N, C-alpha and C. Protein backbone atom coordinates (compact mmCIF):
# COMPACT_ATOMS: atom_id res chain seq x y z
N UNK A 1 10.26 17.76 13.92
CA UNK A 1 10.55 16.02 14.23
C UNK A 1 9.60 15.60 13.75
N UNK A 2 9.32 14.49 13.14
CA UNK A 2 8.06 13.76 12.40
C UNK A 2 7.85 12.73 13.57
N UNK A 3 6.38 11.96 13.83
CA UNK A 3 5.90 11.42 14.53
C UNK A 3 6.36 9.74 14.34
N UNK A 4 7.12 9.67 15.35
CA UNK A 4 7.39 7.81 15.14
C UNK A 4 6.14 6.85 15.19
N UNK A 5 5.14 7.72 15.37
CA UNK A 5 4.07 5.94 15.37
C UNK A 5 3.78 6.04 14.13
N UNK A 6 3.77 6.88 12.93
CA UNK A 6 3.50 7.20 11.72
C UNK A 6 4.01 6.65 10.70
N UNK A 7 3.69 5.70 9.76
CA UNK A 7 4.26 5.48 8.54
C UNK A 7 5.53 6.25 8.16
N UNK A 8 7.03 5.79 7.61
CA UNK A 8 7.54 6.35 7.56
C UNK A 8 8.00 7.22 6.20
N UNK A 9 8.24 8.33 6.86
CA UNK A 9 7.78 9.54 5.43
C UNK A 9 8.76 9.64 4.36
N UNK A 10 8.48 9.54 3.03
CA UNK A 10 9.64 10.25 1.95
C UNK A 10 9.67 11.67 1.68
N UNK A 11 10.87 11.98 1.50
CA UNK A 11 10.61 13.70 1.85
C UNK A 11 11.29 13.89 0.18
N UNK A 12 10.92 14.32 -0.58
CA UNK A 12 11.08 15.06 -2.15
C UNK A 12 11.51 16.63 -2.52
N UNK A 13 12.74 16.10 -2.77
CA UNK A 13 13.70 17.90 -3.07
C UNK A 13 14.15 17.37 -4.68
N UNK A 14 14.48 18.49 -5.32
CA UNK A 14 14.98 18.61 -6.33
C UNK A 14 16.59 19.88 -5.98
N UNK A 15 17.57 19.04 -6.76
CA UNK A 15 18.59 19.91 -6.38
C UNK A 15 19.07 19.74 -7.94
N UNK A 16 18.84 20.88 -8.83
CA UNK A 16 19.35 20.94 -10.19
C UNK A 16 18.45 19.37 -11.10
N UNK A 17 18.93 19.22 -11.92
CA UNK A 17 17.73 17.93 -12.38
C UNK A 17 17.98 16.99 -11.85
N UNK A 18 18.20 16.65 -10.42
CA UNK A 18 18.36 15.75 -9.71
C UNK A 18 17.15 15.85 -8.71
N UNK A 19 16.37 14.51 -8.66
CA UNK A 19 15.36 14.45 -7.65
C UNK A 19 16.51 13.78 -6.11
N UNK A 20 15.93 14.20 -5.30
CA UNK A 20 16.55 13.57 -3.85
C UNK A 20 15.50 13.08 -3.09
N UNK A 21 15.77 12.12 -2.59
CA UNK A 21 14.62 11.32 -1.74
C UNK A 21 15.12 10.96 -0.53
N UNK A 22 14.80 11.21 0.49
CA UNK A 22 15.39 11.52 1.83
C UNK A 22 14.06 10.99 2.71
N UNK A 23 14.33 9.67 3.52
CA UNK A 23 13.66 8.63 4.12
C UNK A 23 14.41 8.96 5.89
N UNK A 24 13.39 8.19 6.79
CA UNK A 24 14.51 8.27 7.62
C UNK A 24 14.43 6.61 7.97
N UNK A 25 13.93 5.76 7.02
CA UNK A 25 14.26 3.93 6.81
C UNK A 25 15.14 3.81 6.12
N UNK A 26 15.38 2.51 5.59
CA UNK A 26 16.79 2.16 4.89
C UNK A 26 15.76 1.69 3.53
N UNK A 27 14.82 1.90 3.38
CA UNK A 27 14.13 1.25 2.20
C UNK A 27 15.14 1.37 0.74
N UNK A 28 15.21 2.78 0.93
CA UNK A 28 15.95 3.26 -0.63
C UNK A 28 17.22 3.07 -0.88
N UNK A 29 17.74 1.69 0.21
CA UNK A 29 19.16 1.70 -0.33
C UNK A 29 18.76 -0.02 -0.35
N UNK A 30 17.53 -0.64 -0.83
CA UNK A 30 17.75 -2.17 -1.22
C UNK A 30 17.71 -1.88 -2.30
N UNK A 31 18.32 -3.18 -2.99
CA UNK A 31 18.54 -3.00 -4.57
C UNK A 31 17.28 -3.15 -5.09
N UNK A 32 16.43 -3.60 -4.77
CA UNK A 32 15.00 -3.75 -5.62
C UNK A 32 14.70 -2.28 -5.88
N UNK A 33 14.50 -1.71 -4.48
CA UNK A 33 14.20 0.14 -4.98
C UNK A 33 15.01 0.93 -5.83
N UNK A 34 16.65 0.53 -5.63
CA UNK A 34 17.53 1.16 -6.55
C UNK A 34 17.56 1.13 -7.99
N UNK A 35 16.71 -0.25 -8.05
CA UNK A 35 16.74 -0.71 -9.68
C UNK A 35 15.65 0.64 -10.05
N UNK A 36 14.55 0.08 -9.82
CA UNK A 36 13.44 0.81 -10.06
C UNK A 36 13.66 2.02 -10.41
N UNK A 37 14.22 2.46 -8.96
CA UNK A 37 14.52 4.04 -9.19
C UNK A 37 15.54 4.63 -10.63
N UNK A 38 16.61 3.35 -11.13
CA UNK A 38 16.94 3.58 -11.77
C UNK A 38 16.78 3.50 -13.40
N UNK A 39 15.57 3.15 -13.68
CA UNK A 39 15.18 2.58 -14.43
C UNK A 39 14.91 4.00 -15.57
N UNK A 40 15.92 4.33 -16.45
CA UNK A 40 16.19 5.40 -17.62
C UNK A 40 17.22 6.50 -16.77
N UNK A 41 17.57 6.31 -15.61
CA UNK A 41 18.30 7.41 -14.81
C UNK A 41 19.47 7.04 -14.01
N UNK A 42 19.66 7.77 -13.08
CA UNK A 42 21.12 7.35 -12.15
C UNK A 42 20.73 7.44 -10.69
N UNK A 43 21.10 6.70 -9.98
CA UNK A 43 20.33 6.16 -8.54
C UNK A 43 21.45 6.09 -7.57
N UNK A 44 21.89 7.02 -7.30
CA UNK A 44 22.30 6.53 -5.79
C UNK A 44 22.12 6.92 -4.34
N UNK A 45 22.76 5.86 -3.52
CA UNK A 45 22.09 5.54 -2.52
C UNK A 45 23.51 5.69 -0.89
N UNK A 46 22.91 6.36 0.08
CA UNK A 46 24.11 6.91 0.89
C UNK A 46 22.94 6.00 2.25
N UNK A 47 23.70 4.84 2.83
CA UNK A 47 22.99 4.70 4.35
C UNK A 47 23.75 4.44 4.85
N UNK A 48 23.39 4.75 6.67
CA UNK A 48 24.23 4.57 7.90
C UNK A 48 23.04 4.42 8.97
N UNK A 49 23.42 3.25 9.62
CA UNK A 49 22.31 3.32 10.83
C UNK A 49 22.72 3.57 11.95
N UNK A 50 22.85 3.82 13.03
CA UNK A 50 23.70 4.34 14.69
C UNK A 50 24.28 3.33 15.07
N UNK A 51 24.59 2.22 14.17
CA UNK A 51 25.61 1.04 14.67
C UNK A 51 26.69 1.41 14.01
N UNK A 52 27.09 2.46 12.90
CA UNK A 52 28.13 2.91 11.99
C UNK A 52 27.74 1.68 10.99
N UNK A 53 26.61 0.64 10.55
CA UNK A 53 26.54 -0.54 9.35
C UNK A 53 26.43 1.21 8.23
N UNK A 54 26.83 0.73 6.97
CA UNK A 54 26.91 1.81 5.79
C UNK A 54 26.63 0.81 4.75
N UNK A 55 26.65 1.83 3.59
CA UNK A 55 26.46 1.38 2.40
C UNK A 55 26.28 2.15 1.44
N UNK A 56 27.45 2.81 0.36
CA UNK A 56 26.82 3.80 -1.06
C UNK A 56 26.97 2.97 -1.90
N UNK A 57 25.40 2.90 -2.48
CA UNK A 57 25.02 2.46 -3.76
C UNK A 57 24.94 2.88 -4.75
N UNK A 58 25.43 2.77 -6.09
CA UNK A 58 24.96 3.64 -7.24
C UNK A 58 23.97 2.37 -8.29
N UNK A 59 22.83 2.86 -9.30
CA UNK A 59 22.24 2.07 -9.84
C UNK A 59 22.17 2.91 -11.24
N UNK A 60 22.12 2.29 -12.37
CA UNK A 60 22.05 2.73 -13.46
C UNK A 60 21.21 2.28 -14.43
N UNK A 61 20.43 2.13 -15.44
CA UNK A 61 19.53 1.77 -16.08
C UNK A 61 18.87 0.54 -15.75
N UNK A 62 18.20 0.55 -14.58
CA UNK A 62 17.48 -0.32 -13.52
C UNK A 62 18.68 -1.93 -13.25
N UNK A 63 19.72 -1.34 -13.13
CA UNK A 63 20.50 -2.40 -12.68
C UNK A 63 21.85 -2.08 -11.45
N UNK A 64 21.92 -2.63 -10.73
CA UNK A 64 22.42 -2.24 -9.75
C UNK A 64 24.13 -2.49 -9.67
N UNK A 65 24.78 -1.28 -9.51
CA UNK A 65 25.93 -0.95 -10.28
C UNK A 65 27.14 -1.97 -9.62
N UNK A 66 26.91 -0.96 -7.93
CA UNK A 66 28.03 -1.08 -7.07
C UNK A 66 27.36 -0.50 -5.56
N UNK A 67 27.99 -1.59 -4.63
CA UNK A 67 27.61 -1.33 -2.84
C UNK A 67 28.66 -1.30 -2.58
N UNK A 68 29.29 -0.51 -2.02
CA UNK A 68 30.60 -0.11 -1.41
C UNK A 68 30.12 0.38 0.27
N UNK A 69 31.16 -0.13 1.46
CA UNK A 69 31.40 0.04 2.72
C UNK A 69 31.95 1.49 2.50
N UNK A 70 31.38 2.11 3.25
CA UNK A 70 32.03 3.77 2.77
C UNK A 70 33.61 4.08 4.27
N UNK A 71 32.78 3.16 5.03
CA UNK A 71 34.06 3.31 5.98
C UNK A 71 35.80 2.40 5.47
N UNK A 72 35.12 1.27 5.57
CA UNK A 72 36.37 0.22 4.64
C UNK A 72 36.18 -0.18 3.47
N UNK A 73 36.44 1.06 2.55
CA UNK A 73 35.60 0.30 1.27
C UNK A 73 37.17 -0.64 0.15
N UNK A 74 38.40 -0.89 1.02
CA UNK A 74 38.95 -1.97 0.66
C UNK A 74 39.64 -0.81 -0.64
N UNK A 75 39.45 -1.65 -1.84
CA UNK A 75 40.46 -0.87 -2.77
C UNK A 75 39.57 -1.06 -4.15
N UNK A 76 40.23 -0.29 -5.28
CA UNK A 76 39.13 -0.06 -6.42
C UNK A 76 38.88 -1.80 -7.39
N UNK A 77 40.58 -2.46 -6.93
CA UNK A 77 40.61 -3.54 -7.74
C UNK A 77 39.21 -4.48 -6.98
N UNK A 78 38.47 -4.50 -5.75
CA UNK A 78 37.24 -5.02 -4.85
C UNK A 78 36.26 -5.00 -5.64
N UNK A 79 36.08 -3.97 -6.72
CA UNK A 79 34.78 -3.68 -6.69
C UNK A 79 34.80 -3.34 -8.22
N UNK A 80 34.25 -4.71 -8.91
CA UNK A 80 34.32 -4.57 -10.68
C UNK A 80 33.47 -3.53 -11.62
N UNK A 81 32.46 -3.14 -10.83
CA UNK A 81 31.51 -1.71 -11.03
C UNK A 81 32.06 -0.62 -10.75
N UNK A 82 33.54 -0.28 -10.33
CA UNK A 82 33.83 1.24 -9.99
C UNK A 82 33.76 1.89 -11.82
N UNK A 83 34.25 1.17 -12.46
CA UNK A 83 34.62 2.46 -13.33
C UNK A 83 33.30 2.85 -14.05
N UNK A 84 32.41 2.35 -13.37
CA UNK A 84 30.98 2.98 -13.98
C UNK A 84 30.27 4.21 -13.14
N UNK A 85 31.09 3.78 -11.88
CA UNK A 85 31.09 4.87 -10.57
C UNK A 85 32.24 6.17 -10.58
N UNK A 86 32.26 7.28 -11.42
CA UNK A 86 33.49 7.79 -11.77
C UNK A 86 33.83 9.06 -10.25
N UNK A 87 33.08 8.90 -9.25
CA UNK A 87 32.96 9.86 -8.51
C UNK A 87 34.12 9.05 -7.35
N UNK A 88 33.55 8.32 -6.81
CA UNK A 88 34.61 7.27 -5.81
C UNK A 88 36.04 7.36 -6.48
N UNK A 89 36.57 7.06 -7.28
CA UNK A 89 37.39 7.20 -7.70
C UNK A 89 37.92 8.36 -7.99
N UNK A 90 38.03 9.48 -7.85
CA UNK A 90 38.26 10.87 -7.99
C UNK A 90 38.64 11.15 -6.47
N UNK A 91 37.95 10.98 -5.39
CA UNK A 91 38.26 10.99 -4.20
C UNK A 91 39.74 10.40 -3.71
N UNK A 92 40.75 11.19 -3.97
CA UNK A 92 41.75 11.06 -3.83
C UNK A 92 41.90 9.88 -2.58
N UNK A 93 41.92 10.22 -1.39
CA UNK A 93 41.85 9.24 -0.26
C UNK A 93 40.72 8.07 0.10
N UNK A 94 40.04 7.98 -1.11
CA UNK A 94 38.67 7.17 -0.12
C UNK A 94 38.64 5.69 -0.04
N UNK A 95 40.12 5.27 -0.93
CA UNK A 95 40.36 3.90 -1.04
C UNK A 95 41.75 3.47 -0.21
N UNK A 96 41.72 4.63 0.76
CA UNK A 96 43.05 4.67 1.60
C UNK A 96 42.62 3.70 2.60
N UNK A 97 43.90 2.36 3.04
CA UNK A 97 43.77 1.58 3.62
C UNK A 97 43.51 1.96 5.58
N UNK A 98 42.29 1.25 5.70
CA UNK A 98 42.32 2.50 7.67
C UNK A 98 43.48 2.14 8.39
N UNK A 99 44.62 1.41 8.19
CA UNK A 99 45.52 1.40 9.34
C UNK A 99 46.74 2.68 8.44
N UNK A 100 46.31 2.94 7.17
CA UNK A 100 47.45 3.84 6.77
C UNK A 100 46.17 5.69 6.93
N UNK A 101 45.57 5.68 7.36
CA UNK A 101 44.41 7.06 7.12
C UNK A 101 45.44 7.32 8.65
N UNK A 102 45.45 9.50 8.16
CA UNK A 102 46.43 9.76 9.46
C UNK A 102 45.23 10.76 9.79
N UNK A 103 45.78 11.80 10.66
CA UNK A 103 44.91 12.51 10.97
C UNK A 103 43.96 13.79 10.24
N UNK A 104 44.65 14.00 8.84
CA UNK A 104 43.86 14.69 8.08
C UNK A 104 42.67 13.66 7.57
N UNK A 105 42.59 12.54 7.57
CA UNK A 105 41.86 12.07 6.66
C UNK A 105 40.20 12.31 7.00
N UNK A 106 39.81 12.80 6.19
CA UNK A 106 38.21 12.84 5.74
C UNK A 106 37.25 11.70 5.47
């Protein structure tokens, strides 16, 4: 455990050619940070707090392309930048409406 009276650290690791930045706070999910991290690269952010507020974000080429609520994403048509972020489209049940989710929904 890290002491909470210190500045929030950022842990850096590599996964193949991808750099991963892990933090205890939310700064990595802000548009300004994602835009800077995505200069000449792709940047993804997954953020969740203790109250289940969340967002999945994707930035590329210095531009924030898309931010989605992971629990209630709506439909693909609600997100103009979804065509530039193919991974959520490939998850067949990602955009299933909340009322239509069954016990097998993950």
